[in-house]
């Protein structure tokens, strides 16, 4: 007598069979909830900030900031931060000078993380500015 076959039969008898499609239904519901959460996070917060601005509140620019990572072909000790940030602001016509958060040495040079306003980040990421990035020997990560 094979005890493994008996154990399998006993397990089948004790475990109720679930109707087909439950897994796909749950996954669909989770995906829907995730999408709704993202919509609420992006648009509802913007709506409340606009309503606040209409009634005399101030829009917090720091809250609408973005993190940009660039690769520079220089070593971290060769990077003159103030000059680099000033050049970046001038070349891309940024509204405000970005804040340098981190400069990390990597194999090809220095990877820097910059904090800047959403409008300035959009300018930097714009496809029309890819040539300016390459002229400055910068690579957007």
N, C-alpha and C. Protein backbone atom coordinates (compact mmCIF):
# COMPACT_ATOMS: atom_id res chain seq x y z
N UNK A 1 0.84 -1.17 0.00
CA UNK A 1 0.00 0.00 0.00
C UNK A 1 0.89 1.25 0.00
N UNK A 2 0.54 2.23 -0.82
CA UNK A 2 1.34 3.44 -0.96
C UNK A 2 0.74 4.54 -0.09
N UNK A 3 1.47 4.94 0.91
CA UNK A 3 0.94 5.93 1.84
C UNK A 3 0.84 7.32 1.22
N UNK A 4 1.66 7.61 0.21
CA UNK A 4 1.59 8.92 -0.43
C UNK A 4 0.28 9.07 -1.22
N UNK A 5 -0.16 8.01 -1.87
CA UNK A 5 -1.43 8.07 -2.59
C UNK A 5 -2.59 8.24 -1.61
N UNK A 6 -2.52 7.56 -0.49
CA UNK A 6 -3.57 7.71 0.54
C UNK A 6 -3.59 9.14 1.08
N UNK A 7 -2.41 9.70 1.31
CA UNK A 7 -2.31 11.07 1.81
C UNK A 7 -2.87 12.06 0.79
N UNK A 8 -2.61 11.81 -0.50
CA UNK A 8 -3.13 12.69 -1.55
C UNK A 8 -4.66 12.62 -1.60
N UNK A 9 -5.22 11.44 -1.50
CA UNK A 9 -6.68 11.29 -1.51
C UNK A 9 -7.30 11.96 -0.29
N UNK A 10 -6.68 11.81 0.86
CA UNK A 10 -7.18 12.43 2.08
C UNK A 10 -7.14 13.96 1.97
N UNK A 11 -6.07 14.49 1.39
CA UNK A 11 -5.94 15.94 1.20
C UNK A 11 -7.01 16.46 0.25
N UNK A 12 -7.27 15.72 -0.83
CA UNK A 12 -8.30 16.12 -1.78
C UNK A 12 -9.68 16.14 -1.15
N UNK A 13 -9.95 15.20 -0.29
CA UNK A 13 -11.26 15.13 0.37
C UNK A 13 -11.44 16.27 1.38
N UNK A 14 -10.38 16.65 2.06
CA UNK A 14 -10.48 17.69 3.08
C UNK A 14 -10.46 19.11 2.51
N UNK A 15 -9.84 19.30 1.34
CA UNK A 15 -9.70 20.63 0.77
C UNK A 15 -10.86 20.89 -0.19
N UNK A 16 -11.63 21.93 0.08
CA UNK A 16 -12.73 22.24 -0.85
C UNK A 16 -12.16 22.85 -2.13
N UNK A 17 -12.80 22.53 -3.23
CA UNK A 17 -12.37 23.08 -4.52
C UNK A 17 -13.02 24.44 -4.72
N UNK A 18 -12.20 25.39 -5.08
CA UNK A 18 -12.68 26.75 -5.30
C UNK A 18 -13.17 26.88 -6.74
N UNK A 19 -14.19 27.68 -6.95
CA UNK A 19 -14.67 27.89 -8.32
C UNK A 19 -13.57 28.52 -9.18
N UNK A 20 -13.60 28.20 -10.45
CA UNK A 20 -12.61 28.74 -11.37
C UNK A 20 -12.80 30.24 -11.53
N UNK A 21 -11.73 30.95 -11.75
CA UNK A 21 -11.79 32.37 -12.02
C UNK A 21 -11.62 33.27 -10.82
N UNK A 22 -11.53 32.71 -9.62
CA UNK A 22 -11.39 33.54 -8.43
C UNK A 22 -10.07 34.29 -8.46
N UNK A 23 -9.01 33.60 -8.84
CA UNK A 23 -7.69 34.24 -8.87
C UNK A 23 -7.69 35.41 -9.85
N UNK A 24 -8.23 35.19 -11.05
CA UNK A 24 -8.24 36.28 -12.03
C UNK A 24 -9.15 37.42 -11.58
N UNK A 25 -10.26 37.10 -10.91
CA UNK A 25 -11.14 38.16 -10.39
C UNK A 25 -10.43 39.00 -9.34
N UNK A 26 -9.72 38.35 -8.43
CA UNK A 26 -9.01 39.06 -7.36
C UNK A 26 -7.90 39.92 -7.97
N UNK A 27 -7.17 39.37 -8.93
CA UNK A 27 -6.11 40.14 -9.57
C UNK A 27 -6.67 41.35 -10.32
N UNK A 28 -7.81 41.17 -10.95
CA UNK A 28 -8.46 42.28 -11.65
C UNK A 28 -8.90 43.36 -10.68
N UNK A 29 -9.46 42.96 -9.54
CA UNK A 29 -9.89 43.93 -8.54
C UNK A 29 -8.70 44.68 -7.95
N UNK A 30 -7.61 43.97 -7.70
CA UNK A 30 -6.41 44.62 -7.16
C UNK A 30 -5.85 45.62 -8.17
N UNK A 31 -5.81 45.24 -9.44
CA UNK A 31 -5.33 46.16 -10.48
C UNK A 31 -6.22 47.39 -10.56
N UNK A 32 -7.52 47.19 -10.46
CA UNK A 32 -8.45 48.33 -10.48
C UNK A 32 -8.26 49.25 -9.29
N UNK A 33 -8.07 48.67 -8.10
CA UNK A 33 -7.85 49.49 -6.91
C UNK A 33 -6.52 50.25 -7.01
N UNK A 34 -5.50 49.60 -7.56
CA UNK A 34 -4.20 50.26 -7.72
C UNK A 34 -4.34 51.45 -8.67
N UNK A 35 -5.06 51.26 -9.77
CA UNK A 35 -5.26 52.34 -10.73
C UNK A 35 -6.03 53.49 -10.09
N UNK A 36 -7.07 53.18 -9.35
CA UNK A 36 -7.85 54.23 -8.68
C UNK A 36 -6.98 54.97 -7.66
N UNK A 37 -6.15 54.25 -6.94
CA UNK A 37 -5.25 54.88 -5.98
C UNK A 37 -4.29 55.84 -6.65
N UNK A 38 -3.74 55.44 -7.81
CA UNK A 38 -2.83 56.31 -8.53
C UNK A 38 -3.55 57.56 -9.04
N UNK A 39 -4.77 57.39 -9.51
CA UNK A 39 -5.55 58.53 -9.98
C UNK A 39 -5.81 59.51 -8.84
N UNK A 40 -6.20 58.97 -7.71
CA UNK A 40 -6.47 59.82 -6.54
C UNK A 40 -5.19 60.54 -6.12
N UNK A 41 -4.09 59.81 -6.09
CA UNK A 41 -2.82 60.40 -5.65
C UNK A 41 -2.38 61.53 -6.56
N UNK A 42 -2.53 61.34 -7.86
CA UNK A 42 -2.04 62.34 -8.81
C UNK A 42 -3.01 63.51 -8.96
N UNK A 43 -4.28 63.21 -9.25
CA UNK A 43 -5.21 64.26 -9.64
C UNK A 43 -5.95 64.89 -8.47
N UNK A 44 -6.32 64.10 -7.48
CA UNK A 44 -7.08 64.66 -6.37
C UNK A 44 -6.23 65.62 -5.54
N UNK A 45 -4.97 65.28 -5.35
CA UNK A 45 -4.10 66.19 -4.60
C UNK A 45 -3.91 67.50 -5.37
N UNK A 46 -3.80 67.41 -6.69
CA UNK A 46 -3.68 68.61 -7.52
C UNK A 46 -4.95 69.45 -7.43
N UNK A 47 -6.10 68.78 -7.44
CA UNK A 47 -7.39 69.48 -7.33
C UNK A 47 -7.47 70.26 -6.03
N UNK A 48 -7.08 69.64 -4.92
CA UNK A 48 -7.15 70.32 -3.63
C UNK A 48 -6.17 71.49 -3.55
N UNK A 49 -5.00 71.36 -4.18
CA UNK A 49 -4.06 72.48 -4.16
C UNK A 49 -4.59 73.64 -5.00
N UNK A 50 -5.30 73.34 -6.08
CA UNK A 50 -5.89 74.40 -6.90
C UNK A 50 -7.02 75.09 -6.13
N UNK A 51 -7.86 74.31 -5.49
CA UNK A 51 -8.95 74.88 -4.69
C UNK A 51 -8.37 75.74 -3.57
N UNK A 52 -7.31 75.28 -2.96
CA UNK A 52 -6.65 76.05 -1.90
C UNK A 52 -6.11 77.36 -2.45
N UNK A 53 -5.52 77.32 -3.64
CA UNK A 53 -4.98 78.53 -4.25
C UNK A 53 -6.09 79.52 -4.60
N UNK A 54 -7.25 79.00 -5.03
CA UNK A 54 -8.38 79.87 -5.37
C UNK A 54 -8.85 80.63 -4.14
N UNK A 55 -8.83 79.99 -3.00
CA UNK A 55 -9.29 80.62 -1.77
C UNK A 55 -8.17 81.33 -1.00
N UNK A 56 -7.06 81.61 -1.67
CA UNK A 56 -6.02 82.43 -1.06
C UNK A 56 -4.85 81.66 -0.48
N UNK A 57 -4.83 80.37 -0.62
CA UNK A 57 -3.70 79.60 -0.11
C UNK A 57 -2.51 79.68 -1.05
N UNK A 58 -1.39 79.18 -0.61
CA UNK A 58 -0.19 79.19 -1.43
C UNK A 58 0.11 77.78 -1.91
N UNK A 59 0.57 77.70 -3.14
CA UNK A 59 0.96 76.40 -3.70
C UNK A 59 2.40 76.14 -3.29
N UNK A 60 2.64 75.01 -2.69
CA UNK A 60 3.96 74.66 -2.19
C UNK A 60 4.81 74.12 -3.33
N UNK A 61 5.79 74.89 -3.77
CA UNK A 61 6.66 74.47 -4.87
C UNK A 61 7.55 73.29 -4.48
N UNK A 62 7.93 73.20 -3.21
CA UNK A 62 8.78 72.10 -2.77
C UNK A 62 8.07 70.77 -2.90
N UNK A 63 6.77 70.78 -2.72
CA UNK A 63 6.00 69.55 -2.82
C UNK A 63 5.95 69.05 -4.26
N UNK A 64 6.01 69.99 -5.19
CA UNK A 64 5.95 69.63 -6.61
C UNK A 64 7.35 69.55 -7.21
N UNK A 65 8.28 69.01 -6.46
CA UNK A 65 9.65 68.91 -6.95
C UNK A 65 9.92 67.50 -7.48
N UNK A 66 10.93 67.42 -8.33
CA UNK A 66 11.29 66.15 -8.94
C UNK A 66 12.77 65.86 -8.68
N UNK A 67 13.10 64.60 -8.74
CA UNK A 67 14.47 64.15 -8.59
C UNK A 67 14.99 63.73 -9.95
N UNK A 68 16.09 64.32 -10.38
CA UNK A 68 16.71 64.01 -11.66
C UNK A 68 18.10 63.46 -11.39
N UNK A 69 18.45 62.40 -12.10
CA UNK A 69 19.79 61.81 -11.96
C UNK A 69 20.54 61.98 -13.27
N UNK A 70 21.73 62.55 -13.18
CA UNK A 70 22.58 62.78 -14.35
C UNK A 70 23.92 62.08 -14.16
N UNK A 71 24.52 61.70 -15.27
CA UNK A 71 25.85 61.10 -15.26
C UNK A 71 26.82 62.10 -15.88
N UNK A 72 27.85 62.46 -15.12
CA UNK A 72 28.89 63.37 -15.59
C UNK A 72 30.17 62.58 -15.84
N UNK A 73 30.91 62.92 -16.89
CA UNK A 73 32.14 62.17 -17.18
C UNK A 73 33.36 62.66 -16.40
N UNK A 74 33.15 63.23 -15.22
CA UNK A 74 34.27 63.71 -14.39
C UNK A 74 34.23 63.01 -13.05
N UNK A 75 35.35 63.04 -12.36
CA UNK A 75 35.42 62.46 -11.03
C UNK A 75 34.75 63.40 -10.03
N UNK A 76 34.22 62.87 -8.92
CA UNK A 76 33.54 63.74 -7.95
C UNK A 76 34.40 64.87 -7.40
N UNK A 77 35.69 64.61 -7.21
CA UNK A 77 36.55 65.67 -6.65
C UNK A 77 36.83 66.76 -7.68
N UNK A 78 36.63 66.48 -8.98
CA UNK A 78 36.84 67.48 -10.02
C UNK A 78 35.59 68.32 -10.28
N UNK A 79 34.47 67.93 -9.70
CA UNK A 79 33.20 68.61 -9.93
C UNK A 79 33.10 69.88 -9.09
N UNK A 80 33.00 71.01 -9.74
CA UNK A 80 32.78 72.30 -9.07
C UNK A 80 31.28 72.52 -9.04
N UNK A 81 30.67 72.27 -7.87
CA UNK A 81 29.21 72.23 -7.76
C UNK A 81 28.54 73.54 -8.14
N UNK A 82 28.99 74.63 -7.59
CA UNK A 82 28.30 75.91 -7.83
C UNK A 82 28.37 76.30 -9.31
N UNK A 83 29.52 76.11 -9.94
CA UNK A 83 29.67 76.44 -11.35
C UNK A 83 28.80 75.53 -12.21
N UNK A 84 28.79 74.25 -11.89
CA UNK A 84 27.98 73.30 -12.65
C UNK A 84 26.50 73.65 -12.56
N UNK A 85 26.01 73.92 -11.34
CA UNK A 85 24.59 74.25 -11.16
C UNK A 85 24.23 75.56 -11.86
N UNK A 86 25.13 76.53 -11.82
CA UNK A 86 24.88 77.80 -12.49
C UNK A 86 24.83 77.61 -14.01
N UNK A 87 25.75 76.83 -14.56
CA UNK A 87 25.75 76.55 -16.00
C UNK A 87 24.48 75.81 -16.41
N UNK A 88 24.09 74.83 -15.62
CA UNK A 88 22.88 74.06 -15.91
C UNK A 88 21.65 74.97 -15.92
N UNK A 89 21.58 75.88 -14.94
CA UNK A 89 20.46 76.81 -14.85
C UNK A 89 20.43 77.75 -16.05
N UNK A 90 21.58 78.23 -16.46
CA UNK A 90 21.66 79.16 -17.58
C UNK A 90 21.35 78.48 -18.91
N UNK A 91 21.97 77.35 -19.17
CA UNK A 91 21.82 76.67 -20.46
C UNK A 91 20.37 76.23 -20.70
N UNK A 92 19.72 75.72 -19.68
CA UNK A 92 18.36 75.21 -19.84
C UNK A 92 17.29 76.24 -19.45
N UNK A 93 17.69 77.45 -19.11
CA UNK A 93 16.77 78.52 -18.71
C UNK A 93 15.84 78.06 -17.60
N UNK A 94 16.42 77.48 -16.55
CA UNK A 94 15.63 76.99 -15.44
C UNK A 94 15.15 78.16 -14.59
N UNK A 95 13.97 78.01 -14.00
CA UNK A 95 13.41 79.09 -13.19
C UNK A 95 14.14 79.25 -11.86
N UNK A 96 14.70 78.17 -11.36
CA UNK A 96 15.38 78.18 -10.07
C UNK A 96 16.56 77.21 -10.15
N UNK A 97 17.65 77.57 -9.53
CA UNK A 97 18.82 76.70 -9.54
C UNK A 97 18.50 75.39 -8.80
N UNK A 98 18.81 74.24 -9.40
CA UNK A 98 18.52 72.97 -8.73
C UNK A 98 19.39 72.77 -7.49
N UNK A 99 18.94 71.88 -6.63
CA UNK A 99 19.68 71.55 -5.42
C UNK A 99 20.41 70.23 -5.64
N UNK A 100 21.69 70.21 -5.42
CA UNK A 100 22.47 68.98 -5.56
C UNK A 100 22.32 68.17 -4.28
N UNK A 101 21.75 66.98 -4.41
CA UNK A 101 21.53 66.13 -3.24
C UNK A 101 22.68 65.17 -2.98
N UNK A 102 23.10 64.46 -4.04
CA UNK A 102 24.12 63.42 -3.88
C UNK A 102 25.01 63.40 -5.11
N UNK A 103 26.30 63.21 -4.90
CA UNK A 103 27.26 62.98 -5.97
C UNK A 103 28.02 61.70 -5.65
N UNK A 104 27.85 60.68 -6.49
CA UNK A 104 28.44 59.37 -6.23
C UNK A 104 29.40 59.01 -7.37
N UNK A 105 30.57 58.53 -7.01
CA UNK A 105 31.53 58.09 -8.01
C UNK A 105 31.08 56.75 -8.59
N UNK A 106 31.03 56.68 -9.92
CA UNK A 106 30.72 55.45 -10.63
C UNK A 106 31.84 55.18 -11.62
N UNK A 107 31.75 54.06 -12.31
CA UNK A 107 32.81 53.64 -13.21
C UNK A 107 33.10 54.68 -14.29
N UNK A 108 32.05 55.28 -14.85
CA UNK A 108 32.22 56.20 -15.98
C UNK A 108 32.37 57.66 -15.57
N UNK A 109 32.30 57.98 -14.29
CA UNK A 109 32.40 59.36 -13.85
C UNK A 109 31.68 59.58 -12.53
N UNK A 110 30.76 60.53 -12.53
CA UNK A 110 30.01 60.88 -11.31
C UNK A 110 28.53 60.88 -11.61
N UNK A 111 27.78 60.22 -10.78
CA UNK A 111 26.33 60.23 -10.89
C UNK A 111 25.80 61.20 -9.85
N UNK A 112 25.05 62.20 -10.31
CA UNK A 112 24.53 63.20 -9.38
C UNK A 112 23.01 63.18 -9.39
N UNK A 113 22.44 63.45 -8.22
CA UNK A 113 20.99 63.56 -8.09
C UNK A 113 20.66 65.00 -7.77
N UNK A 114 19.74 65.56 -8.56
CA UNK A 114 19.33 66.95 -8.41
C UNK A 114 17.86 67.03 -8.05
N UNK A 115 17.53 67.96 -7.18
CA UNK A 115 16.13 68.22 -6.85
C UNK A 115 15.77 69.54 -7.50
N UNK A 116 14.68 69.53 -8.29
CA UNK A 116 14.26 70.75 -8.98
C UNK A 116 12.75 70.77 -9.14
N UNK A 117 12.21 71.92 -9.54
CA UNK A 117 10.77 72.04 -9.71
C UNK A 117 10.31 71.18 -10.88
N UNK A 118 9.03 70.89 -10.90
CA UNK A 118 8.47 70.03 -11.94
C UNK A 118 8.65 70.64 -13.32
N UNK A 119 8.46 71.96 -13.44
CA UNK A 119 8.62 72.61 -14.75
C UNK A 119 10.05 72.50 -15.24
N UNK A 120 11.00 72.71 -14.35
CA UNK A 120 12.41 72.63 -14.73
C UNK A 120 12.80 71.20 -15.10
N UNK A 121 12.27 70.23 -14.38
CA UNK A 121 12.56 68.83 -14.71
C UNK A 121 12.01 68.48 -16.08
N UNK A 122 10.83 69.02 -16.39
CA UNK A 122 10.25 68.78 -17.72
C UNK A 122 11.12 69.39 -18.81
N UNK A 123 11.66 70.58 -18.55
CA UNK A 123 12.57 71.21 -19.52
C UNK A 123 13.80 70.35 -19.75
N UNK A 124 14.34 69.84 -18.67
CA UNK A 124 15.56 69.04 -18.76
C UNK A 124 15.32 67.73 -19.49
N UNK A 125 14.14 67.15 -19.29
CA UNK A 125 13.82 65.86 -19.90
C UNK A 125 13.28 65.99 -21.32
N UNK A 126 12.96 67.20 -21.76
CA UNK A 126 12.36 67.40 -23.08
C UNK A 126 13.27 66.87 -24.18
N UNK A 127 12.66 66.26 -25.18
CA UNK A 127 13.45 65.67 -26.26
C UNK A 127 14.23 66.73 -27.04
N UNK A 128 13.73 67.96 -27.06
CA UNK A 128 14.45 69.02 -27.77
C UNK A 128 15.75 69.40 -27.06
N UNK A 129 15.87 69.06 -25.79
CA UNK A 129 17.07 69.42 -25.03
C UNK A 129 18.08 68.29 -24.95
N UNK A 130 17.85 67.18 -25.62
CA UNK A 130 18.81 66.07 -25.60
C UNK A 130 20.16 66.51 -26.19
N UNK A 131 20.12 67.37 -27.20
CA UNK A 131 21.35 67.87 -27.79
C UNK A 131 22.14 68.73 -26.81
N UNK A 132 21.42 69.54 -26.03
CA UNK A 132 22.10 70.37 -25.02
C UNK A 132 22.76 69.50 -23.96
N UNK A 133 22.09 68.42 -23.58
CA UNK A 133 22.69 67.51 -22.59
C UNK A 133 23.98 66.90 -23.13
N UNK A 134 23.95 66.47 -24.38
CA UNK A 134 25.16 65.85 -24.94
C UNK A 134 26.27 66.89 -25.14
N UNK A 135 25.90 68.14 -25.45
CA UNK A 135 26.92 69.19 -25.58
C UNK A 135 27.62 69.46 -24.25
N UNK A 136 26.88 69.30 -23.14
CA UNK A 136 27.46 69.50 -21.83
C UNK A 136 28.10 68.21 -21.27
N UNK A 137 28.14 67.17 -22.09
CA UNK A 137 28.65 65.85 -21.69
C UNK A 137 27.86 65.29 -20.51
N UNK A 138 26.55 65.44 -20.55
CA UNK A 138 25.67 64.91 -19.51
C UNK A 138 24.81 63.80 -20.09
N UNK A 139 24.51 62.85 -19.26
CA UNK A 139 23.63 61.77 -19.67
C UNK A 139 22.51 61.66 -18.63
N UNK A 140 21.27 61.71 -19.09
CA UNK A 140 20.11 61.62 -18.21
C UNK A 140 19.88 60.17 -17.85
N UNK A 141 19.80 59.87 -16.56
CA UNK A 141 19.58 58.49 -16.10
C UNK A 141 18.13 58.25 -15.83
